[in-house]
Amino acid sequence: MPDNFDEAMLDIYRKADRELGIKFKNFLDKIVTLGALNAAKHFLSDSLQSGFTTLWERRRLDLTMEALVIRPEWAHLFTERELDEARKRLRDHGWSDAVKAAG
């Protein structure tokens, strides 16, 4: 597991590329221009991104930024409102792990 949030965000980008053959250019561009934490906060404050939908269609919500930010090691970086938004998106798309992480 990466030991900083920047690496963790890049790791899910790399896994989507390596395991699914998907390059989420907008995701990577935001990380590069805003930094990983600000990029995640930006995505959480905006409408659901097409990348999330693509990963949901592929049954890989584990590779979403939302799944990453609710992990205990990163949750402290986000407000309750941001965490609630991430959990809601995951729950709304049937990911039961989001319910466990809501705790």
N, C-alpha and C. Protein backbone atom coordinates (compact mmCIF):
# COMPACT_ATOMS: atom_id res chain seq x y z
N MET A 1 0.84 -1.19 0.00
CA MET A 1 0.00 0.00 0.00
C MET A 1 0.88 1.24 0.00
N PRO A 2 0.60 2.18 -0.87
CA PRO A 2 1.38 3.42 -0.91
C PRO A 2 1.34 4.14 0.44
N ASP A 3 2.44 4.81 0.77
CA ASP A 3 2.51 5.46 2.08
C ASP A 3 2.14 6.94 2.05
N ASN A 4 1.71 7.46 0.89
CA ASN A 4 1.17 8.82 0.87
C ASN A 4 0.02 8.89 -0.13
N PHE A 5 -0.83 9.89 0.08
CA PHE A 5 -2.05 9.97 -0.71
C PHE A 5 -1.77 10.20 -2.20
N ASP A 6 -0.73 10.98 -2.50
CA ASP A 6 -0.38 11.20 -3.91
C ASP A 6 -0.10 9.87 -4.61
N GLU A 7 0.70 9.04 -3.97
CA GLU A 7 1.03 7.73 -4.55
C GLU A 7 -0.20 6.83 -4.63
N ALA A 8 -1.07 6.91 -3.63
CA ALA A 8 -2.29 6.09 -3.64
C ALA A 8 -3.19 6.46 -4.81
N MET A 9 -3.33 7.75 -5.07
CA MET A 9 -4.15 8.20 -6.21
C MET A 9 -3.52 7.74 -7.53
N LEU A 10 -2.22 7.89 -7.65
CA LEU A 10 -1.54 7.44 -8.87
C LEU A 10 -1.63 5.92 -9.02
N ASP A 11 -1.64 5.23 -7.89
CA ASP A 11 -1.72 3.77 -7.91
C ASP A 11 -3.05 3.31 -8.50
N ILE A 12 -4.18 3.95 -8.12
CA ILE A 12 -5.45 3.51 -8.71
C ILE A 12 -5.51 3.86 -10.19
N TYR A 13 -4.88 4.96 -10.58
CA TYR A 13 -4.79 5.30 -12.01
C TYR A 13 -4.02 4.20 -12.76
N ARG A 14 -2.87 3.81 -12.21
CA ARG A 14 -2.04 2.78 -12.85
C ARG A 14 -2.76 1.43 -12.91
N LYS A 15 -3.46 1.08 -11.84
CA LYS A 15 -4.18 -0.20 -11.82
C LYS A 15 -5.28 -0.23 -12.88
N ALA A 16 -6.00 0.87 -13.03
CA ALA A 16 -7.06 0.93 -14.06
C ALA A 16 -6.44 0.75 -15.44
N ASP A 17 -5.28 1.34 -15.65
CA ASP A 17 -4.58 1.21 -16.93
C ASP A 17 -4.10 -0.23 -17.12
N ARG A 18 -3.41 -0.75 -16.12
CA ARG A 18 -2.81 -2.08 -16.22
C ARG A 18 -3.86 -3.20 -16.25
N GLU A 19 -4.85 -3.14 -15.37
CA GLU A 19 -5.80 -4.24 -15.24
C GLU A 19 -6.98 -4.14 -16.20
N LEU A 20 -7.34 -2.92 -16.61
CA LEU A 20 -8.52 -2.74 -17.46
C LEU A 20 -8.20 -2.09 -18.81
N GLY A 21 -6.99 -1.61 -18.96
CA GLY A 21 -6.62 -0.95 -20.21
C GLY A 21 -7.27 0.41 -20.37
N ILE A 22 -7.61 1.06 -19.26
CA ILE A 22 -8.27 2.36 -19.30
C ILE A 22 -7.33 3.44 -18.79
N LYS A 23 -7.18 4.49 -19.58
CA LYS A 23 -6.39 5.65 -19.16
C LYS A 23 -7.37 6.80 -18.89
N PHE A 24 -7.48 7.18 -17.62
CA PHE A 24 -8.36 8.28 -17.25
C PHE A 24 -7.55 9.57 -17.29
N LYS A 25 -7.46 10.16 -18.49
CA LYS A 25 -6.62 11.33 -18.71
C LYS A 25 -7.03 12.51 -17.83
N ASN A 26 -8.31 12.79 -17.71
CA ASN A 26 -8.77 13.91 -16.89
C ASN A 26 -8.36 13.71 -15.43
N PHE A 27 -8.47 12.50 -14.94
CA PHE A 27 -8.08 12.16 -13.57
C PHE A 27 -6.60 12.46 -13.36
N LEU A 28 -5.77 11.96 -14.26
CA LEU A 28 -4.33 12.19 -14.15
C LEU A 28 -3.99 13.67 -14.29
N ASP A 29 -4.62 14.35 -15.23
CA ASP A 29 -4.37 15.79 -15.41
C ASP A 29 -4.67 16.57 -14.14
N LYS A 30 -5.78 16.25 -13.47
CA LYS A 30 -6.15 16.95 -12.23
C LYS A 30 -5.14 16.67 -11.13
N ILE A 31 -4.65 15.45 -11.03
CA ILE A 31 -3.64 15.12 -10.03
C ILE A 31 -2.37 15.93 -10.28
N VAL A 32 -1.97 16.02 -11.54
CA VAL A 32 -0.75 16.74 -11.89
C VAL A 32 -0.90 18.24 -11.64
N THR A 33 -2.05 18.80 -12.02
CA THR A 33 -2.22 20.26 -11.90
C THR A 33 -2.60 20.71 -10.49
N LEU A 34 -3.43 19.93 -9.79
CA LEU A 34 -3.93 20.36 -8.49
C LEU A 34 -3.25 19.66 -7.31
N GLY A 35 -2.60 18.54 -7.58
CA GLY A 35 -2.13 17.68 -6.50
C GLY A 35 -3.24 16.69 -6.18
N ALA A 36 -2.87 15.54 -5.67
CA ALA A 36 -3.84 14.46 -5.45
C ALA A 36 -4.96 14.84 -4.48
N LEU A 37 -4.61 15.46 -3.37
CA LEU A 37 -5.63 15.80 -2.38
C LEU A 37 -6.63 16.81 -2.94
N ASN A 38 -6.14 17.87 -3.55
CA ASN A 38 -7.03 18.87 -4.13
C ASN A 38 -7.83 18.30 -5.30
N ALA A 39 -7.24 17.40 -6.05
CA ALA A 39 -7.97 16.76 -7.15
C ALA A 39 -9.13 15.94 -6.59
N ALA A 40 -8.88 15.17 -5.55
CA ALA A 40 -9.94 14.36 -4.94
C ALA A 40 -11.05 15.26 -4.40
N LYS A 41 -10.67 16.33 -3.73
CA LYS A 41 -11.66 17.27 -3.20
C LYS A 41 -12.47 17.91 -4.33
N HIS A 42 -11.80 18.22 -5.43
CA HIS A 42 -12.48 18.77 -6.61
C HIS A 42 -13.51 17.78 -7.14
N PHE A 43 -13.09 16.53 -7.32
CA PHE A 43 -14.00 15.52 -7.86
C PHE A 43 -15.18 15.27 -6.92
N LEU A 44 -14.95 15.33 -5.62
CA LEU A 44 -16.04 15.12 -4.66
C LEU A 44 -17.02 16.28 -4.64
N SER A 45 -16.56 17.46 -5.00
CA SER A 45 -17.45 18.63 -4.99
C SER A 45 -18.19 18.79 -6.32
N ASP A 46 -17.78 18.04 -7.31
CA ASP A 46 -18.37 18.12 -8.65
C ASP A 46 -19.36 16.96 -8.83
N SER A 47 -20.01 16.95 -9.97
CA SER A 47 -20.93 15.85 -10.26
C SER A 47 -20.14 14.56 -10.50
N LEU A 48 -20.83 13.47 -10.46
CA LEU A 48 -20.22 12.17 -10.68
C LEU A 48 -19.47 12.16 -12.01
N GLN A 49 -18.24 11.71 -11.97
CA GLN A 49 -17.39 11.69 -13.16
C GLN A 49 -17.65 10.45 -14.01
N SER A 50 -17.41 10.57 -15.29
CA SER A 50 -17.62 9.44 -16.21
C SER A 50 -16.71 8.26 -15.87
N GLY A 51 -15.55 8.54 -15.30
CA GLY A 51 -14.65 7.47 -14.91
C GLY A 51 -15.25 6.56 -13.86
N PHE A 52 -15.98 7.14 -12.93
CA PHE A 52 -16.67 6.36 -11.91
C PHE A 52 -17.66 5.41 -12.58
N THR A 53 -18.43 5.95 -13.51
CA THR A 53 -19.43 5.13 -14.21
C THR A 53 -18.75 4.00 -14.99
N THR A 54 -17.65 4.32 -15.63
CA THR A 54 -16.90 3.30 -16.37
C THR A 54 -16.43 2.18 -15.44
N LEU A 55 -15.91 2.56 -14.29
CA LEU A 55 -15.44 1.55 -13.33
C LEU A 55 -16.61 0.76 -12.75
N TRP A 56 -17.74 1.41 -12.55
CA TRP A 56 -18.94 0.71 -12.07
C TRP A 56 -19.39 -0.32 -13.11
N GLU A 57 -19.40 0.09 -14.37
CA GLU A 57 -19.79 -0.82 -15.45
C GLU A 57 -18.86 -2.03 -15.52
N ARG A 58 -17.60 -1.82 -15.18
CA ARG A 58 -16.61 -2.91 -15.20
C ARG A 58 -16.56 -3.67 -13.88
N ARG A 59 -17.43 -3.28 -12.96
CA ARG A 59 -17.47 -3.89 -11.63
C ARG A 59 -16.16 -3.75 -10.88
N ARG A 60 -15.59 -2.55 -10.97
CA ARG A 60 -14.32 -2.26 -10.29
C ARG A 60 -14.40 -0.97 -9.48
N LEU A 61 -15.44 -0.85 -8.68
CA LEU A 61 -15.56 0.33 -7.82
C LEU A 61 -14.40 0.43 -6.84
N ASP A 62 -13.70 -0.68 -6.61
CA ASP A 62 -12.52 -0.65 -5.74
C ASP A 62 -11.43 0.27 -6.30
N LEU A 63 -11.48 0.57 -7.59
CA LEU A 63 -10.47 1.44 -8.21
C LEU A 63 -10.93 2.90 -8.30
N THR A 64 -12.06 3.23 -7.69
CA THR A 64 -12.53 4.62 -7.74
C THR A 64 -11.82 5.45 -6.69
N MET A 65 -11.75 6.74 -6.97
CA MET A 65 -11.22 7.68 -6.00
C MET A 65 -12.07 7.68 -4.74
N GLU A 66 -13.39 7.49 -4.90
CA GLU A 66 -14.30 7.46 -3.76
C GLU A 66 -13.95 6.32 -2.80
N ALA A 67 -13.65 5.15 -3.35
CA ALA A 67 -13.27 4.01 -2.51
C ALA A 67 -11.96 4.27 -1.79
N LEU A 68 -11.09 5.01 -2.43
CA LEU A 68 -9.80 5.33 -1.82
C LEU A 68 -9.97 6.30 -0.65
N VAL A 69 -10.74 7.37 -0.83
CA VAL A 69 -10.80 8.41 0.20
C VAL A 69 -11.49 7.94 1.48
N ILE A 70 -12.35 6.93 1.40
CA ILE A 70 -13.02 6.47 2.62
C ILE A 70 -12.19 5.45 3.40
N ARG A 71 -11.06 5.06 2.86
CA ARG A 71 -10.19 4.13 3.60
C ARG A 71 -9.69 4.80 4.87
N PRO A 72 -9.58 4.06 5.95
CA PRO A 72 -9.19 4.66 7.23
C PRO A 72 -7.88 5.46 7.18
N GLU A 73 -6.94 5.02 6.39
CA GLU A 73 -5.65 5.71 6.34
C GLU A 73 -5.73 7.07 5.64
N TRP A 74 -6.79 7.33 4.88
CA TRP A 74 -6.90 8.60 4.15
C TRP A 74 -8.10 9.44 4.60
N ALA A 75 -9.05 8.85 5.28
CA ALA A 75 -10.28 9.55 5.64
C ALA A 75 -10.03 10.84 6.42
N HIS A 76 -8.99 10.87 7.24
CA HIS A 76 -8.71 12.07 8.04
C HIS A 76 -8.37 13.30 7.18
N LEU A 77 -8.08 13.10 5.92
CA LEU A 77 -7.75 14.21 5.02
C LEU A 77 -8.99 14.93 4.50
N PHE A 78 -10.17 14.36 4.76
CA PHE A 78 -11.40 14.86 4.16
C PHE A 78 -12.41 15.26 5.23
N THR A 79 -13.30 16.18 4.84
CA THR A 79 -14.37 16.59 5.73
C THR A 79 -15.44 15.50 5.78
N GLU A 80 -16.29 15.56 6.79
CA GLU A 80 -17.38 14.59 6.87
C GLU A 80 -18.29 14.70 5.64
N ARG A 81 -18.49 15.91 5.17
CA ARG A 81 -19.33 16.10 3.98
C ARG A 81 -18.72 15.40 2.75
N GLU A 82 -17.41 15.54 2.59
CA GLU A 82 -16.73 14.88 1.46
C GLU A 82 -16.81 13.35 1.60
N LEU A 83 -16.59 12.86 2.81
CA LEU A 83 -16.66 11.42 3.05
C LEU A 83 -18.08 10.90 2.82
N ASP A 84 -19.06 11.65 3.27
CA ASP A 84 -20.45 11.26 3.05
C ASP A 84 -20.78 11.18 1.57
N GLU A 85 -20.26 12.13 0.79
CA GLU A 85 -20.49 12.13 -0.66
C GLU A 85 -19.86 10.89 -1.30
N ALA A 86 -18.64 10.58 -0.91
CA ALA A 86 -17.96 9.40 -1.45
C ALA A 86 -18.72 8.12 -1.10
N ARG A 87 -19.15 8.00 0.16
CA ARG A 87 -19.90 6.82 0.60
C ARG A 87 -21.23 6.71 -0.14
N LYS A 88 -21.91 7.84 -0.31
CA LYS A 88 -23.20 7.85 -0.99
C LYS A 88 -23.06 7.37 -2.43
N ARG A 89 -22.06 7.88 -3.12
CA ARG A 89 -21.85 7.45 -4.51
C ARG A 89 -21.63 5.95 -4.60
N LEU A 90 -20.81 5.44 -3.71
CA LEU A 90 -20.52 4.01 -3.70
C LEU A 90 -21.76 3.19 -3.34
N ARG A 91 -22.45 3.61 -2.29
CA ARG A 91 -23.68 2.89 -1.88
C ARG A 91 -24.72 2.92 -2.99
N ASP A 92 -24.89 4.09 -3.61
CA ASP A 92 -25.89 4.23 -4.68
C ASP A 92 -25.60 3.31 -5.86
N HIS A 93 -24.37 2.87 -5.98
CA HIS A 93 -23.99 1.98 -7.07
C HIS A 93 -23.75 0.55 -6.59
N GLY A 94 -24.26 0.27 -5.37
CA GLY A 94 -24.29 -1.11 -4.90
C GLY A 94 -23.05 -1.66 -4.26
N TRP A 95 -22.11 -0.78 -3.88
CA TRP A 95 -20.87 -1.29 -3.28
C TRP A 95 -21.05 -1.42 -1.78
N SER A 96 -21.17 -2.63 -1.29
CA SER A 96 -21.45 -2.87 0.12
C SER A 96 -20.29 -2.49 1.03
N ASP A 97 -19.07 -2.46 0.53
CA ASP A 97 -17.92 -2.05 1.35
C ASP A 97 -18.07 -0.61 1.83
N ALA A 98 -18.82 0.21 1.09
CA ALA A 98 -19.02 1.60 1.51
C ALA A 98 -19.84 1.67 2.79
N VAL A 99 -20.72 0.71 2.98
CA VAL A 99 -21.52 0.68 4.20
C VAL A 99 -20.63 0.34 5.39
N LYS A 100 -19.71 -0.61 5.21
CA LYS A 100 -18.78 -0.97 6.27
C LYS A 100 -17.88 0.21 6.64
N ALA A 101 -17.42 0.96 5.62
CA ALA A 101 -16.52 2.08 5.85
C ALA A 101 -17.24 3.29 6.43
N ALA A 102 -18.55 3.29 6.40
CA ALA A 102 -19.31 4.44 6.89
C ALA A 102 -19.22 4.57 8.39
N GLY A 103 -18.87 3.47 9.05
CA GLY A 103 -18.90 3.34 10.44
C GLY A 103 -18.32 4.29 11.33
